[in-house]
Amino acid sequence: MEQPTLLTRIEALLDGPEHAPWEAVLDELLHHFGCAVATVHLLDGAGLLQLVAQRGLPPVVLDKVRTVPVGKGMAGIAAERRAPVQVCNLQTDASGVVRPGAKDTRMEGSIACPMFDGAELRGVLGVAKPVPHEFTSEQQALLLAVGSKLARLRA
């Protein structure tokens, strides 16, 4: 019997009588991508990204990422550009995309993908690995598809 795809598993979590907690979806992502950290930020009415769910963030980082302005850090830049933003290694990145506090995650390969409900930006989904990693175009497309499923939810 064929294994269900990531999207099928996530749809099953979200389409139940009561949608699964955000963290259950993040656990699926962590397992599928071999990541240690996952986050969901939703865009609020003031144009700020608010952290609504996370897995694996160290406590020292939580306060730094609870609210992220659009255009700042990976999540904010992904929201501003309306496109995925990734770095192969957060620890050595000098592009200016990574905020100084991101190194406290101790992650390396990281990506932030905008979450769209149709054409409307609703938030940003992020995952990170503890090793250097470039997410492929297929992985990016899958994360964008997951993000569009999550964009239809409300915290």
C-alpha atoms as a PDB file:
ATOM      1  CA  MET A   1       0.000   0.000   0.000  1.00  0.00           C
ATOM      2  CA  GLU A   2       1.303   3.446  -0.950  1.00  0.00           C
ATOM      3  CA  GLN A   3       2.270   5.854   1.833  1.00  0.00           C
ATOM      4  CA  PRO A   4       0.112   8.987   2.080  1.00  0.00           C
ATOM      5  CA  THR A   5       1.849  12.139   0.881  1.00  0.00           C
ATOM      6  CA  LEU A   6       2.694  14.997   3.208  1.00  0.00           C
ATOM      7  CA  LEU A   7      -0.173  17.085   1.819  1.00  0.00           C
ATOM      8  CA  THR A   8      -2.615  14.191   2.268  1.00  0.00           C
ATOM      9  CA  ARG A   9      -1.524  13.735   5.893  1.00  0.00           C
ATOM     10  CA  ILE A  10      -1.827  17.451   6.588  1.00  0.00           C
ATOM     11  CA  GLU A  11      -5.236  17.645   4.912  1.00  0.00           C
ATOM     12  CA  ALA A  12      -6.384  14.750   7.116  1.00  0.00           C
ATOM     13  CA  LEU A  13      -5.216  16.658  10.205  1.00  0.00           C
ATOM     14  CA  LEU A  14      -6.944  19.855   9.095  1.00  0.00           C
ATOM     15  CA  ASP A  15     -10.183  18.347   7.765  1.00  0.00           C
ATOM     16  CA  GLY A  16     -11.180  16.451  10.894  1.00  0.00           C
ATOM     17  CA  PRO A  17     -14.182  17.434  13.015  1.00  0.00           C
ATOM     18  CA  GLU A  18     -11.960  19.994  14.726  1.00  0.00           C
ATOM     19  CA  HIS A  19      -8.768  20.901  12.953  1.00  0.00           C
ATOM     20  CA  ALA A  20      -5.660  19.570  14.621  1.00  0.00           C
ATOM     21  CA  PRO A  21      -3.515  21.933  16.623  1.00  0.00           C
ATOM     22  CA  TRP A  22      -0.976  23.878  14.593  1.00  0.00           C
ATOM     23  CA  GLU A  23       1.739  21.937  16.401  1.00  0.00           C
ATOM     24  CA  ALA A  24       0.501  18.611  14.948  1.00  0.00           C
ATOM     25  CA  VAL A  25       0.947  20.029  11.447  1.00  0.00           C
ATOM     26  CA  LEU A  26       4.390  21.338  12.365  1.00  0.00           C
ATOM     27  CA  ASP A  27       5.319  17.892  13.690  1.00  0.00           C
ATOM     28  CA  GLU A  28       4.446  16.432  10.263  1.00  0.00           C
ATOM     29  CA  LEU A  29       6.661  19.013   8.573  1.00  0.00           C
ATOM     30  CA  LEU A  30       9.552  18.380  10.954  1.00  0.00           C
ATOM     31  CA  HIS A  31       9.365  14.654  10.309  1.00  0.00           C
ATOM     32  CA  HIS A  32       8.979  14.945   6.534  1.00  0.00           C
ATOM     33  CA  PHE A  33      11.812  17.431   6.007  1.00  0.00           C
ATOM     34  CA  GLY A  34      14.127  16.188   8.763  1.00  0.00           C
ATOM     35  CA  CYS A  35      13.997  19.586  10.446  1.00  0.00           C
ATOM     36  CA  ALA A  36      14.321  20.545  14.100  1.00  0.00           C
ATOM     37  CA  VAL A  37      12.489  23.887  14.080  1.00  0.00           C
ATOM     38  CA  ALA A  38       9.199  24.973  12.524  1.00  0.00           C
ATOM     39  CA  THR A  39       7.206  28.185  12.897  1.00  0.00           C
ATOM     40  CA  VAL A  40       3.948  29.740  11.747  1.00  0.00           C
ATOM     41  CA  HIS A  41       3.485  33.506  11.824  1.00  0.00           C
ATOM     42  CA  LEU A  42       0.146  35.053  10.839  1.00  0.00           C
ATOM     43  CA  LEU A  43      -0.228  38.559   9.477  1.00  0.00           C
ATOM     44  CA  ASP A  44      -2.274  40.746  11.820  1.00  0.00           C
ATOM     45  CA  GLY A  45      -4.361  43.828  11.039  1.00  0.00           C
ATOM     46  CA  ALA A  46      -1.420  46.118  11.802  1.00  0.00           C
ATOM     47  CA  GLY A  47       0.769  44.466   9.165  1.00  0.00           C
ATOM     48  CA  LEU A  48       2.918  42.556  11.664  1.00  0.00           C
ATOM     49  CA  LEU A  49       3.646  38.830  11.681  1.00  0.00           C
ATOM     50  CA  GLN A  50       2.548  37.227  14.963  1.00  0.00           C
ATOM     51  CA  LEU A  51       3.926  33.832  16.036  1.00  0.00           C
ATOM     52  CA  VAL A  52       0.978  31.443  16.502  1.00  0.00           C
ATOM     53  CA  ALA A  53       2.789  28.107  16.597  1.00  0.00           C
ATOM     54  CA  GLN A  54       6.310  26.765  16.827  1.00  0.00           C
ATOM     55  CA  ARG A  55       8.272  23.636  17.430  1.00  0.00           C
ATOM     56  CA  GLY A  56      11.882  23.523  18.552  1.00  0.00           C
ATOM     57  CA  LEU A  57      12.669  27.199  19.139  1.00  0.00           C
ATOM     58  CA  PRO A  58      14.961  27.754  22.110  1.00  0.00           C
ATOM     59  CA  PRO A  59      13.415  29.974  24.819  1.00  0.00           C
ATOM     60  CA  VAL A  60      16.024  32.682  24.192  1.00  0.00           C
ATOM     61  CA  VAL A  61      14.683  33.051  20.629  1.00  0.00           C
ATOM     62  CA  LEU A  62      10.944  33.004  21.381  1.00  0.00           C
ATOM     63  CA  ASP A  63      10.684  36.597  22.561  1.00  0.00           C
ATOM     64  CA  LYS A  64      12.694  37.795  19.568  1.00  0.00           C
ATOM     65  CA  VAL A  65      10.314  36.196  17.037  1.00  0.00           C
ATOM     66  CA  ARG A  66       6.880  36.604  18.666  1.00  0.00           C
ATOM     67  CA  THR A  67       6.257  39.685  16.518  1.00  0.00           C
ATOM     68  CA  VAL A  68       8.117  40.227  13.256  1.00  0.00           C
ATOM     69  CA  PRO A  69       7.739  43.344  11.117  1.00  0.00           C
ATOM     70  CA  VAL A  70       7.221  42.749   7.407  1.00  0.00           C
ATOM     71  CA  GLY A  71      10.578  43.325   5.734  1.00  0.00           C
ATOM     72  CA  LYS A  72      12.688  42.270   8.762  1.00  0.00           C
ATOM     73  CA  GLY A  73      14.386  38.894   9.141  1.00  0.00           C
ATOM     74  CA  MET A  74      13.664  35.871   6.994  1.00  0.00           C
ATOM     75  CA  ALA A  75       9.935  35.700   7.771  1.00  0.00           C
ATOM     76  CA  GLY A  76       9.450  39.416   7.235  1.00  0.00           C
ATOM     77  CA  ILE A  77      11.384  39.411   3.970  1.00  0.00           C
ATOM     78  CA  ALA A  78       9.447  36.354   2.712  1.00  0.00           C
ATOM     79  CA  ALA A  79       6.220  38.254   3.452  1.00  0.00           C
ATOM     80  CA  GLU A  80       7.501  41.422   1.780  1.00  0.00           C
ATOM     81  CA  ARG A  81       8.782  39.613  -1.332  1.00  0.00           C
ATOM     82  CA  ARG A  82       5.823  37.207  -1.376  1.00  0.00           C
ATOM     83  CA  ALA A  83       8.351  34.474  -2.159  1.00  0.00           C
ATOM     84  CA  PRO A  84      10.407  31.900  -0.238  1.00  0.00           C
ATOM     85  CA  VAL A  85      13.591  33.132   1.395  1.00  0.00           C
ATOM     86  CA  GLN A  86      16.256  30.621   2.375  1.00  0.00           C
ATOM     87  CA  VAL A  87      19.796  30.440   3.634  1.00  0.00           C
ATOM     88  CA  CYS A  88      22.043  27.409   3.506  1.00  0.00           C
ATOM     89  CA  ASN A  89      23.614  28.200   6.875  1.00  0.00           C
ATOM     90  CA  LEU A  90      22.137  30.659   9.380  1.00  0.00           C
ATOM     91  CA  GLN A  91      25.352  30.554  11.388  1.00  0.00           C
ATOM     92  CA  THR A  92      27.574  31.915   8.616  1.00  0.00           C
ATOM     93  CA  ASP A  93      25.136  33.911   6.454  1.00  0.00           C
ATOM     94  CA  ALA A  94      26.310  37.423   5.621  1.00  0.00           C
ATOM     95  CA  SER A  95      23.511  38.368   3.197  1.00  0.00           C
ATOM     96  CA  GLY A  96      21.736  40.659   5.656  1.00  0.00           C
ATOM     97  CA  VAL A  97      18.591  38.511   5.482  1.00  0.00           C
ATOM     98  CA  VAL A  98      19.311  36.783   8.780  1.00  0.00           C
ATOM     99  CA  ARG A  99      18.815  38.819  11.945  1.00  0.00           C
ATOM    100  CA  PRO A 100      21.496  38.487  14.633  1.00  0.00           C
ATOM    101  CA  GLY A 101      19.192  36.584  17.025  1.00  0.00           C
ATOM    102  CA  ALA A 102      18.617  33.838  14.437  1.00  0.00           C
ATOM    103  CA  LYS A 103      22.006  32.355  15.291  1.00  0.00           C
ATOM    104  CA  ASP A 104      20.615  31.567  18.744  1.00  0.00           C
ATOM    105  CA  THR A 105      18.429  28.882  17.132  1.00  0.00           C
ATOM    106  CA  ARG A 106      21.623  26.904  16.408  1.00  0.00           C
ATOM    107  CA  MET A 107      20.037  25.988  13.072  1.00  0.00           C
ATOM    108  CA  GLU A 108      21.757  26.159   9.721  1.00  0.00           C
ATOM    109  CA  GLY A 109      19.638  25.339   6.631  1.00  0.00           C
ATOM    110  CA  SER A 110      16.496  27.468   6.898  1.00  0.00           C
ATOM    111  CA  ILE A 111      13.577  28.592   4.746  1.00  0.00           C
ATOM    112  CA  ALA A 112      10.624  30.937   5.253  1.00  0.00           C
ATOM    113  CA  CYS A 113       7.686  30.589   2.835  1.00  0.00           C
ATOM    114  CA  PRO A 114       4.758  32.976   2.505  1.00  0.00           C
ATOM    115  CA  MET A 115       1.320  31.509   3.176  1.00  0.00           C
ATOM    116  CA  PHE A 116      -1.362  32.536   0.689  1.00  0.00           C
ATOM    117  CA  ASP A 117      -5.128  32.127   0.723  1.00  0.00           C
ATOM    118  CA  GLY A 118      -5.656  32.666  -2.980  1.00  0.00           C
ATOM    119  CA  ALA A 119      -3.696  35.850  -3.691  1.00  0.00           C
ATOM    120  CA  GLU A 120      -3.982  37.161  -0.120  1.00  0.00           C
ATOM    121  CA  LEU A 121      -0.897  36.914   2.088  1.00  0.00           C
ATOM    122  CA  ARG A 122      -1.904  35.421   5.450  1.00  0.00           C
ATOM    123  CA  GLY A 123       1.438  34.624   7.063  1.00  0.00           C
ATOM    124  CA  VAL A 124       4.762  32.830   6.828  1.00  0.00           C
ATOM    125  CA  LEU A 125       5.721  29.201   7.416  1.00  0.00           C
ATOM    126  CA  GLY A 126       9.318  28.452   8.360  1.00  0.00           C
ATOM    127  CA  VAL A 127      11.405  25.321   8.860  1.00  0.00           C
ATOM    128  CA  ALA A 128      15.076  24.846   9.702  1.00  0.00           C
ATOM    129  CA  LYS A 129      17.627  22.052   9.910  1.00  0.00           C
ATOM    130  CA  PRO A 130      20.648  21.771  12.211  1.00  0.00           C
ATOM    131  CA  VAL A 131      22.890  21.195   9.173  1.00  0.00           C
ATOM    132  CA  PRO A 132      23.610  23.263   6.051  1.00  0.00           C
ATOM    133  CA  HIS A 133      20.869  22.683   3.475  1.00  0.00           C
ATOM    134  CA  GLU A 134      19.537  24.208   0.265  1.00  0.00           C
ATOM    135  CA  PHE A 135      15.830  23.500  -0.153  1.00  0.00           C
ATOM    136  CA  THR A 136      15.090  22.279  -3.689  1.00  0.00           C
ATOM    137  CA  SER A 137      12.455  23.864  -5.913  1.00  0.00           C
ATOM    138  CA  GLU A 138      10.281  20.793  -5.252  1.00  0.00           C
ATOM    139  CA  GLN A 139      10.662  21.212  -1.484  1.00  0.00           C
ATOM    140  CA  GLN A 140       9.847  24.906  -1.787  1.00  0.00           C
ATOM    141  CA  ALA A 141       6.728  24.127  -3.837  1.00  0.00           C
ATOM    142  CA  LEU A 142       5.612  21.599  -1.223  1.00  0.00           C
ATOM    143  CA  LEU A 143       6.117  24.107   1.602  1.00  0.00           C
ATOM    144  CA  LEU A 144       4.156  26.726  -0.347  1.00  0.00           C
ATOM    145  CA  ALA A 145       1.334  24.191  -0.851  1.00  0.00           C
ATOM    146  CA  VAL A 146       1.307  23.370   2.874  1.00  0.00           C
ATOM    147  CA  GLY A 147       1.335  27.090   3.606  1.00  0.00           C
ATOM    148  CA  SER A 148      -1.739  27.617   1.440  1.00  0.00           C
ATOM    149  CA  LYS A 149      -3.562  24.925   3.452  1.00  0.00           C
ATOM    150  CA  LEU A 150      -2.553  26.612   6.718  1.00  0.00           C
ATOM    151  CA  ALA A 151      -3.444  30.088   5.414  1.00  0.00           C
ATOM    152  CA  ARG A 152      -7.102  29.120   5.459  1.00  0.00           C
ATOM    153  CA  LEU A 153      -7.010  28.486   9.222  1.00  0.00           C
ATOM    154  CA  ARG A 154      -7.458  30.986  11.992  1.00  0.00           C
ATOM    155  CA  ALA A 155      -5.401  30.864  15.161  1.00  0.00           C
END
